[in-house]
Protein backbone atom coordinates (compact mmCIF):
# COMPACT_ATOMS: atom_id res chain seq x y z
CA MET A 1 -0.01 0.00 0.04
CA PRO A 2 1.19 3.61 -0.63
CA ASP A 3 2.16 5.85 2.27
CA LEU A 4 3.06 9.48 2.83
CA ASN A 5 6.41 10.60 4.15
CA ASP A 6 6.56 13.41 6.65
CA GLY A 7 5.30 16.64 5.04
CA GLU A 8 3.88 14.94 1.92
CA THR A 9 0.32 15.27 0.69
CA ALA A 10 -1.90 13.28 -1.64
CA GLU A 11 -5.33 13.81 -3.21
CA ILE A 12 -8.09 11.20 -3.22
CA LYS A 13 -11.50 11.48 -4.86
CA GLY A 14 -14.47 11.46 -2.51
CA SER A 15 -18.07 12.49 -2.57
CA ALA A 16 -17.33 16.17 -2.91
CA LYS A 17 -16.68 18.02 -6.16
CA LEU A 18 -13.00 18.58 -5.29
CA PRO A 19 -10.73 15.81 -4.10
CA TYR A 20 -9.79 15.49 -0.43
CA VAL A 21 -6.21 16.13 0.70
CA LEU A 22 -4.43 13.71 2.81
CA LYS A 23 -1.32 14.88 4.76
CA ASN A 24 1.31 13.52 7.06
CA THR A 25 2.73 16.06 9.57
CA GLY A 26 5.24 14.54 11.92
CA GLY A 27 3.37 11.17 11.89
CA VAL A 28 -0.08 12.81 12.43
CA TYR A 29 -2.25 11.95 9.41
CA SER A 30 -5.11 14.22 8.43
CA CYS A 31 -7.77 14.56 5.74
CA THR A 32 -9.80 17.53 4.67
CA CYS A 33 -13.03 15.55 4.64
CA PRO A 34 -15.80 16.35 7.17
CA ALA A 35 -15.68 12.86 8.70
CA TRP A 36 -12.09 13.45 9.88
CA ARG A 37 -12.64 17.07 10.87
CA ASN A 38 -15.72 16.42 13.01
CA GLN A 39 -14.39 13.55 15.18
CA SER A 40 -14.36 14.18 18.97
CA VAL A 41 -11.02 12.49 19.53
CA PRO A 42 -7.41 13.78 19.58
CA ILE A 43 -6.17 14.53 16.09
CA GLU A 44 -3.42 11.95 16.28
CA ARG A 45 -6.15 9.24 16.70
CA ARG A 46 -8.48 10.44 14.00
CA THR A 47 -8.96 8.41 10.75
CA CYS A 48 -11.48 8.20 7.91
CA LYS A 49 -12.35 6.01 4.99
CA HIS A 50 -10.01 8.00 2.68
CA LEU A 51 -7.00 7.30 4.92
CA ARG A 52 -8.12 3.67 5.18
CA THR A 53 -8.39 3.41 1.38
CA TYR A 54 -5.00 5.07 0.82
CA ARG A 55 -2.88 3.43 3.56
CA GLY A 56 -4.81 0.23 4.20
CA GLU A 57 -7.02 -0.89 7.11
CA GLN A 58 -4.20 -2.51 9.03
CA ALA A 59 -1.84 0.34 8.72
CA GLU A 60 -4.51 2.74 10.07
CA GLN A 61 -5.43 0.38 12.93
CA ASP A 62 -1.74 0.11 13.86
CA ARG A 63 -1.38 3.91 13.72
CA VAL A 64 -4.41 4.88 15.87
CA GLY A 65 -3.68 2.11 18.37
CA GLY A 66 -7.04 0.39 18.48
CA GLU A 67 -10.02 -0.88 16.60
CA LEU A 68 -11.31 1.14 13.71
CA PRO A 69 -14.90 2.09 13.70
CA ALA A 70 -16.98 -0.01 11.32
CA ARG A 71 -17.85 1.62 8.06
CA ALA A 72 -21.53 2.17 7.87
CA GLU A 73 -22.76 2.18 4.24
CA SER A 74 -26.28 2.83 3.08
CA ASN A 75 -28.16 1.54 0.07
CA SER A 76 -30.81 3.29 -1.98
CA SER A 77 -33.52 2.27 0.46
CA GLY A 78 -31.70 3.74 3.49
CA ALA A 79 -30.80 0.38 5.04
CA VAL A 80 -27.49 0.37 6.96
CA ALA A 81 -24.87 -2.26 6.08
CA PRO A 82 -24.05 -4.58 9.01
CA GLY A 83 -20.66 -4.43 10.61
CA LEU A 84 -19.42 -7.93 9.59
CA LEU A 85 -16.18 -9.66 10.51
CA LEU A 86 -13.96 -9.80 7.43
CA ALA A 87 -10.88 -11.96 6.75
CA HIS A 88 -7.28 -11.26 5.93
CA THR A 89 -5.38 -13.58 3.56
CA TRP A 90 -2.92 -16.02 5.15
CA GLN A 91 0.62 -15.25 4.03
CA ASN A 92 2.13 -18.52 5.18
CA ASP A 93 3.75 -16.55 8.03
CA LEU A 94 1.77 -17.88 10.99
CA ASP A 95 1.43 -21.34 12.65
CA LEU A 96 -2.23 -22.12 12.47
CA THR A 97 -2.12 -25.27 14.76
CA ASP A 98 -5.21 -25.44 16.96
CA TRP A 99 -7.09 -22.80 14.87
CA TRP A 100 -10.60 -23.68 13.74
CA ILE A 101 -10.96 -24.83 10.11
CA SER A 102 -14.01 -24.46 7.96
CA GLU A 103 -14.57 -24.57 4.23
CA LYS A 104 -14.60 -21.24 2.51
CA LEU A 105 -18.03 -21.17 0.86
CA ASP A 106 -18.64 -19.91 -2.66
CA GLY A 107 -21.98 -18.41 -1.84
CA VAL A 108 -23.59 -15.09 -0.82
CA ARG A 109 -22.62 -13.57 2.57
CA ALA A 110 -25.80 -12.81 4.52
CA TYR A 111 -26.58 -11.28 7.85
CA TRP A 112 -29.80 -12.43 9.51
CA ASP A 113 -30.91 -9.50 11.74
CA GLY A 114 -33.72 -11.41 13.42
CA ALA A 115 -36.28 -10.51 10.78
CA GLN A 116 -34.64 -10.46 7.36
CA PHE A 117 -31.48 -11.24 5.47
CA ILE A 118 -29.20 -8.23 4.72
CA SER A 119 -26.17 -8.17 2.39
CA ARG A 120 -22.73 -6.70 3.22
CA LEU A 121 -23.86 -3.45 1.55
CA GLY A 122 -27.15 -3.25 3.39
CA ASN A 123 -29.47 -4.69 0.66
CA VAL A 124 -32.31 -6.88 1.66
CA TYR A 125 -32.56 -10.48 0.30
CA HIS A 126 -36.27 -11.20 -0.06
CA ALA A 127 -36.41 -14.76 1.33
CA PRO A 128 -39.85 -16.47 1.29
CA ASP A 129 -41.66 -17.19 4.55
CA PHE A 130 -41.04 -20.95 4.34
CA PHE A 131 -37.26 -20.31 4.22
CA VAL A 132 -37.13 -18.11 7.32
CA THR A 133 -39.51 -20.19 9.48
CA GLY A 134 -37.68 -21.30 12.59
CA LEU A 135 -34.87 -18.80 12.41
CA PRO A 136 -34.32 -17.10 15.71
CA LYS A 137 -34.71 -13.44 16.62
CA THR A 138 -30.97 -13.41 17.35
CA PRO A 139 -28.67 -11.95 14.58
CA LEU A 140 -26.77 -14.62 12.70
CA ASP A 141 -23.80 -14.36 10.37
CA GLY A 142 -23.56 -16.91 7.53
CA GLU A 143 -23.68 -17.72 3.90
CA LEU A 144 -26.57 -18.40 1.60
CA TRP A 145 -25.19 -21.40 -0.32
CA LEU A 146 -26.36 -23.58 -3.17
CA GLY A 147 -23.25 -25.80 -3.59
CA ARG A 148 -19.73 -25.82 -4.89
CA LYS A 149 -19.25 -24.21 -8.35
CA ALA A 150 -22.78 -22.90 -8.22
CA PHE A 151 -22.18 -19.32 -7.31
CA GLN A 152 -23.77 -17.59 -10.27
CA ARG A 153 -27.02 -19.62 -9.90
CA CYS A 154 -27.05 -18.89 -6.19
CA VAL A 155 -26.78 -15.17 -6.81
CA SER A 156 -29.61 -15.20 -9.36
CA ILE A 157 -31.94 -16.90 -6.80
CA VAL A 158 -31.25 -14.78 -3.74
CA ARG A 159 -31.43 -11.47 -5.68
CA ARG A 160 -34.89 -12.17 -6.98
CA GLN A 161 -37.65 -10.29 -5.27
CA ASP A 162 -40.51 -12.67 -6.01
CA LYS A 163 -39.82 -15.05 -3.06
CA SER A 164 -39.86 -17.97 -5.43
CA ASP A 165 -39.72 -21.67 -4.70
CA HIS A 166 -36.14 -21.67 -6.08
CA TRP A 167 -35.15 -20.78 -2.49
CA ARG A 168 -35.82 -24.43 -1.51
CA SER A 169 -32.47 -25.38 -3.08
CA ILE A 170 -30.60 -22.81 -0.91
CA ARG A 171 -29.16 -23.48 2.54
CA PHE A 172 -28.18 -20.82 5.17
CA LEU A 173 -24.94 -22.06 6.64
CA VAL A 174 -24.34 -20.20 9.90
CA PHE A 175 -20.82 -19.62 11.16
CA ASP A 176 -21.04 -16.90 13.82
CA LEU A 177 -23.19 -15.16 16.43
CA PRO A 178 -22.37 -11.37 16.08
CA SER A 179 -24.25 -10.20 19.12
CA ALA A 180 -22.48 -12.58 21.58
CA THR A 181 -19.43 -11.22 23.43
CA GLY A 182 -17.75 -14.52 24.42
CA PRO A 183 -14.89 -16.33 22.69
CA PHE A 184 -15.42 -18.21 19.50
CA GLU A 185 -15.83 -21.59 21.16
CA GLU A 186 -18.65 -20.29 23.38
CA ARG A 187 -20.36 -18.77 20.31
CA LEU A 188 -20.20 -22.09 18.43
CA GLU A 189 -21.91 -23.79 21.42
CA GLN A 190 -24.54 -21.11 21.58
CA LEU A 191 -25.16 -21.43 17.87
CA HIS A 192 -25.54 -25.19 18.12
CA ASP A 193 -28.08 -24.84 20.94
CA CYS A 194 -29.98 -22.07 19.24
CA LEU A 195 -30.40 -23.93 15.96
CA ALA A 196 -31.20 -27.18 17.70
CA SER A 197 -33.94 -25.61 19.75
CA ASN A 198 -35.49 -23.61 16.85
CA ARG A 199 -34.96 -26.33 14.20
CA PRO A 200 -35.12 -24.17 11.02
CA GLN A 201 -35.50 -26.37 7.99
CA PHE A 202 -33.17 -24.43 5.71
CA ALA A 203 -30.46 -23.38 8.18
CA GLU A 204 -27.62 -25.31 9.75
CA LEU A 205 -24.37 -24.74 11.63
CA HIS A 206 -21.33 -24.66 9.35
CA GLN A 207 -18.83 -27.37 10.28
CA HIS A 208 -15.65 -26.31 12.18
CA TYR A 209 -12.75 -28.59 13.34
CA ARG A 210 -9.30 -27.97 14.82
CA CYS A 211 -6.24 -27.69 12.71
CA ARG A 212 -3.57 -30.21 13.71
CA GLY A 213 -0.66 -28.49 12.00
CA ALA A 214 0.77 -27.53 8.64
CA ASP A 215 0.45 -31.03 7.10
CA HIS A 216 -3.13 -31.28 8.18
CA LEU A 217 -3.91 -27.84 6.75
CA ARG A 218 -2.37 -28.78 3.35
CA GLU A 219 -4.31 -32.03 3.31
CA GLU A 220 -7.60 -30.33 4.03
CA LEU A 221 -6.96 -27.55 1.50
CA ALA A 222 -6.18 -30.09 -1.21
CA LYS A 223 -9.30 -32.15 -0.38
CA VAL A 224 -11.62 -29.10 -0.50
CA GLU A 225 -10.08 -27.82 -3.77
CA ALA A 226 -10.32 -31.27 -5.36
CA LEU A 227 -14.06 -31.22 -4.65
CA GLY A 228 -14.42 -27.86 -6.37
CA GLY A 229 -14.27 -25.66 -3.18
CA GLU A 230 -12.66 -22.32 -2.92
CA GLY A 231 -10.36 -22.86 -0.02
CA LEU A 232 -10.41 -22.75 3.75
CA MET A 233 -11.22 -20.27 6.55
CA LEU A 234 -9.19 -20.27 9.75
CA ARG A 235 -10.45 -18.81 12.98
CA GLU A 236 -8.22 -18.04 15.93
CA PRO A 237 -9.10 -19.86 19.17
CA GLY A 238 -10.67 -17.65 21.82
CA SER A 239 -11.15 -14.75 19.39
CA LYS A 240 -14.12 -12.33 19.65
CA TYR A 241 -16.42 -11.04 16.90
CA GLU A 242 -15.36 -7.64 15.61
CA ALA A 243 -16.51 -5.49 12.74
CA GLY A 244 -14.07 -5.02 9.90
CA ARG A 245 -11.03 -6.96 8.76
CA SER A 246 -9.35 -8.88 11.53
CA SER A 247 -6.22 -11.05 11.74
CA SER A 248 -8.26 -13.50 13.83
CA LEU A 249 -10.00 -14.69 10.66
CA LEU A 250 -7.81 -15.87 7.71
CA LYS A 251 -8.65 -17.21 4.30
CA VAL A 252 -6.30 -19.85 2.92
CA LYS A 253 -6.07 -20.68 -0.76
CA THR A 254 -3.49 -22.34 -2.92
CA PHE A 255 -1.09 -20.03 -4.70
CA HIS A 256 0.00 -20.89 -8.30
CA ASP A 257 3.08 -19.76 -10.19
CA ALA A 258 2.86 -18.95 -13.88
CA GLU A 259 4.60 -16.98 -16.61
CA ALA A 260 3.51 -14.22 -18.94
CA ARG A 261 5.00 -11.75 -21.50
CA VAL A 262 5.46 -8.12 -20.61
CA VAL A 263 3.60 -5.98 -23.26
CA GLU A 264 3.61 -2.59 -21.70
CA HIS A 265 4.81 -0.51 -18.70
CA LEU A 266 2.00 1.30 -16.83
CA PRO A 267 3.08 4.60 -15.14
CA GLY A 268 3.16 5.01 -11.39
CA THR A 269 1.70 7.93 -9.45
CA GLY A 270 2.08 9.14 -5.93
CA ARG A 271 5.03 7.45 -4.26
CA HIS A 272 5.82 5.75 -7.68
CA LYS A 273 5.44 8.77 -9.92
CA GLY A 274 8.05 8.83 -12.67
CA ARG A 275 8.72 5.08 -12.49
CA LEU A 276 6.90 1.81 -12.98
CA GLY A 277 3.42 1.48 -11.50
CA ALA A 278 2.51 -1.92 -12.98
CA LEU A 279 3.32 -4.36 -15.80
CA ALA A 280 0.73 -5.03 -18.45
CA VAL A 281 1.23 -8.66 -19.33
CA GLN A 282 -0.24 -11.31 -21.58
CA LEU A 283 -0.75 -15.10 -21.27
CA PRO A 284 -0.22 -17.41 -24.32
CA ASP A 285 -4.02 -17.57 -24.87
CA GLY A 286 -4.30 -13.84 -25.20
CA THR A 287 -5.56 -13.04 -21.74
CA SER A 288 -4.24 -9.62 -20.71
CA PHE A 289 -4.00 -8.19 -17.17
CA SER A 290 -1.66 -6.14 -15.03
CA VAL A 291 0.79 -7.07 -12.28
CA GLY A 292 1.32 -4.22 -9.84
CA THR A 293 2.76 -5.78 -6.64
CA GLY A 294 5.89 -7.60 -5.68
CA PHE A 295 8.43 -5.17 -7.10
CA SER A 296 11.39 -3.68 -5.25
CA ASP A 297 12.23 0.02 -5.65
CA ALA A 298 15.14 -0.96 -7.93
CA GLN A 299 12.86 -2.99 -10.14
CA ARG A 300 10.45 -0.10 -10.44
CA GLU A 301 13.31 2.15 -11.48
CA ASN A 302 14.52 -0.37 -14.09
CA PRO A 303 11.56 -2.66 -14.90
CA PRO A 304 11.55 -5.86 -16.93
CA ALA A 305 11.84 -5.11 -20.62
CA VAL A 306 8.82 -5.20 -22.85
CA GLY A 307 8.86 -8.70 -24.49
CA SER A 308 10.60 -10.37 -21.55
CA ILE A 309 8.95 -13.33 -19.68
CA VAL A 310 8.16 -12.81 -15.99
CA THR A 311 7.06 -15.27 -13.34
CA PHE A 312 4.17 -14.24 -11.14
CA ARG A 313 2.20 -15.79 -8.29
CA TYR A 314 -1.68 -15.72 -8.06
CA GLN A 315 -4.43 -17.35 -6.05
CA GLU A 316 -7.04 -18.42 -8.59
CA LEU A 317 -8.61 -17.52 -11.98
CA SER A 318 -11.59 -15.33 -12.37
CA ASP A 319 -14.58 -16.38 -14.48
CA ARG A 320 -12.92 -14.87 -17.57
CA GLY A 321 -9.66 -16.68 -16.95
CA VAL A 322 -7.73 -13.77 -15.43
CA PRO A 323 -5.32 -14.55 -12.54
CA ARG A 324 -6.58 -12.93 -9.35
CA PHE A 325 -4.12 -11.04 -7.01
CA PRO A 326 -1.01 -11.55 -9.25
CA SER A 327 2.32 -10.66 -7.64
CA PHE A 328 5.69 -10.35 -9.44
CA ILE A 329 8.38 -12.89 -8.52
CA ARG A 330 11.19 -12.59 -11.13
CA VAL A 331 12.21 -12.33 -14.77
CA ARG A 332 13.02 -15.55 -16.57
CA PRO A 333 16.68 -15.22 -17.57
CA GLY A 334 17.42 -14.96 -21.29
CA ALA A 335 13.73 -15.13 -22.23
CA ALA A 336 13.23 -11.70 -23.80
CA SER A 337 11.83 -13.26 -27.06
CA ALA A 338 10.71 -16.59 -25.88
CA THR A 339 7.08 -17.83 -25.82
CA PRO A 340 5.72 -18.05 -22.26
CA VAL A 341 4.45 -21.42 -21.04
CA ALA A 342 0.88 -21.92 -20.18
CA HIS A 343 -0.03 -21.39 -16.58
CA PRO A 344 -1.36 -24.43 -14.66
CA ASP A 345 -4.97 -23.42 -14.88
CA SER A 346 -5.02 -22.15 -18.44
CA GLY A 347 -7.53 -24.73 -19.53
CA SER A 348 -9.94 -24.29 -16.60
CA ALA A 349 -11.94 -21.42 -18.06
CA PRO A 350 -13.93 -21.58 -21.27
CA ALA A 351 -12.14 -20.13 -24.24
CA ALA A 352 -15.12 -18.03 -25.03
CA THR A 353 -14.68 -16.03 -21.89
CA ARG A 354 -11.13 -14.92 -22.82
CA ARG A 355 -10.50 -12.00 -25.15
CA ALA A 356 -7.46 -12.41 -27.41
CA ARG A 357 -5.12 -9.52 -27.92
CA THR A 358 -4.49 -9.00 -31.65
CA GLU A 359 -1.85 -6.30 -31.57
CA LYS A 360 1.76 -7.36 -31.84
CA THR A 361 4.01 -5.86 -29.23
CA ALA A 362 7.54 -4.78 -30.06
CA ALA A 363 10.27 -6.50 -28.07
CA ALA A 364 12.55 -3.45 -27.94
CA PRO A 365 13.69 -2.61 -24.40
CA PRO A 366 11.98 0.42 -22.86
CA ALA A 367 13.63 3.59 -21.72
CA ARG A 368 14.97 3.49 -18.17
CA HIS A 369 12.62 5.00 -15.58
CA THR A 370 14.06 7.66 -13.35
CA ASN A 371 12.47 10.10 -10.95
CA SER A 372 12.95 12.88 -13.45
CA SER A 373 11.66 11.11 -16.58
CA PRO A 374 8.14 11.83 -17.82
CA SER A 375 5.34 9.35 -17.07
CA ILE A 376 4.44 6.76 -19.77
CA GLU A 377 1.00 7.17 -21.27
CA ALA A 378 -1.26 4.15 -20.30
CA LYS A 379 -3.61 2.73 -22.88
CA PRO A 380 -7.20 2.51 -21.59
CA MET A 381 -8.53 -1.00 -20.96
CA THR A 382 -12.28 -1.44 -20.96
CA ARG A 383 -14.41 -4.28 -19.72
CA HIS A 384 -18.16 -4.53 -20.38
CA PHE A 385 -20.76 -6.44 -18.27
CA GLU A 386 -24.50 -7.02 -18.63
CA PHE A 387 -27.31 -8.16 -16.28
CA VAL A 388 -30.54 -9.40 -17.83
CA GLU A 389 -33.21 -10.96 -15.61
CA GLY A 390 -36.95 -10.46 -15.87
CA SER A 391 -37.70 -6.85 -16.72
CA SER A 392 -34.16 -5.80 -15.75
CA ALA A 393 -31.61 -5.20 -18.51
CA LYS A 394 -28.59 -3.27 -17.38
CA PHE A 395 -25.02 -2.72 -18.40
CA TRP A 396 -21.88 -1.86 -16.44
CA GLU A 397 -18.56 -0.88 -17.92
CA VAL A 398 -15.17 -0.13 -16.39
CA THR A 399 -12.26 1.59 -18.07
CA ALA A 400 -8.75 1.91 -16.45
CA ALA A 401 -6.08 4.26 -17.74
CA GLY A 402 -3.14 4.82 -15.44
CA ASN A 403 -4.43 5.79 -12.08
CA GLN A 404 -7.93 6.78 -13.47
CA VAL A 405 -10.87 4.43 -13.31
CA ALA A 406 -14.15 5.36 -15.14
CA VAL A 407 -17.35 3.46 -14.64
CA ARG A 408 -20.28 3.81 -17.05
CA PHE A 409 -23.58 2.12 -16.22
CA GLY A 410 -27.33 2.21 -17.10
CA ARG A 411 -30.03 0.45 -18.99
CA ILE A 412 -28.94 -1.49 -22.05
CA GLY A 413 -29.57 0.67 -25.16
CA THR A 414 -28.89 3.95 -23.37
CA GLN A 415 -25.68 5.97 -22.95
CA GLY A 416 -26.04 5.63 -19.12
CA GLN A 417 -24.06 7.76 -16.72
CA THR A 418 -20.33 7.86 -16.00
CA GLN A 419 -18.38 8.14 -12.73
CA THR A 420 -14.58 8.72 -12.57
CA LYS A 421 -12.25 7.97 -9.64
CA THR A 422 -8.60 8.90 -9.23
CA LEU A 423 -6.51 6.36 -7.39
CA SER A 424 -3.08 6.79 -5.91
CA ASP A 425 -1.29 4.97 -8.78
CA ALA A 426 -1.85 2.42 -11.54
CA GLU A 427 -1.33 -0.44 -9.09
CA ALA A 428 -4.11 0.85 -6.87
CA ALA A 429 -6.35 1.45 -9.92
CA ALA A 430 -5.84 -2.18 -11.08
CA ARG A 431 -6.74 -3.47 -7.60
CA HIS A 432 -9.81 -1.16 -7.52
CA VAL A 433 -10.97 -2.52 -10.98
CA GLU A 434 -10.64 -6.15 -9.81
CA THR A 435 -12.67 -5.29 -6.66
CA LEU A 436 -15.46 -3.71 -8.67
CA VAL A 437 -15.47 -6.54 -11.17
CA GLY A 438 -15.70 -9.01 -8.34
CA GLU A 439 -18.62 -7.16 -6.80
CA LYS A 440 -20.48 -7.01 -10.10
CA THR A 441 -19.97 -10.68 -10.98
CA LYS A 442 -21.21 -11.68 -7.55
CA LYS A 443 -24.39 -9.70 -8.31
CA GLY A 444 -24.93 -11.75 -11.44
CA TYR A 445 -23.41 -9.53 -14.18
CA VAL A 446 -21.84 -11.42 -17.05
CA GLU A 447 -18.89 -10.11 -19.06
CA THR A 448 -19.66 -9.61 -22.79
């Protein structure tokens, strides 16, 4: 994540017409937004969503010395998003022996508030009466789940507003009790007793069991992935339920290594202005994406040449065959003109979902980046999505160029409306695009 040195400032787009200004003065971070200005705490302990976005949740939590307040988001109907416990990604840097293992479900996160299901963003899922019969008045945190590799169908069912019989194929797998204050083990027991006494037909407690060590973790991860599952969730023993991202909840997935050809250098901004922000790369099947993390300062000053083959690490493929969360590892020696090998999952996504790049890229080495050299112009990359269901026919389109991300959306057949956001650098813009795309595909949008 980017950061500000003492005396530095940065601009970030917010809800106001003009961007907000972030500043570091002797280790005290400030923002010109009203949310930072109106807090009734010492200025050194103030934070806001703009500082969180720029520096990262964990960096801000470490700085202010305590838990960050949960972000309250509202939807169009005025409902407030629940403060859910969110996971960090395990970086293979922590012994997870005795932690609680559960399967990472490929479903729709849902908060039962005692009367209705609410999404992470505060939208209501209109479950039929037969589905909610027997659910307690106590808030529950869980997942609306149809089965492995059935995410898109699950989304299409739970987002309907007609309370149809399709809900009979859905299960509400409960994994936590947000209102309870005790440790995780006590909450599991309370959940078991609560569901056993109410006996809801379509809800059940999600299975948890203890991790016996690294070998056991690898075995369970391989077993779940072989069955088509996403991965594992690990919960720290004795941990409490807290809103926001917490190191007490970790998601564990298999990381893959693969190779791709460098086709372009994307310029950096903010801390990386005047040098590399990200590499635009291409797989042998034509799939194009950017790699913006894993570089040292020296590598950003003198990046891998256009045409060279780089090795990167990623977690999984998206629905369109794009590696998710790619991170640079190294350049393959002497491979400036070689053809990159296929990555291990190159055949797992339908060819129709991948867009081939037709332009040939010159293999000439690029000019060296220095702090005084001008930024390289980034070519816009646009992705188009559509959602058609019942009387609804909408499109959503995202375009990234450098550190600028533009979103256009509306009814199919219209020009729609456009919103533009300025990120700290091309790397942050690429991450923002992937986040937006993930949110849209989870809502049932299909890339065209």
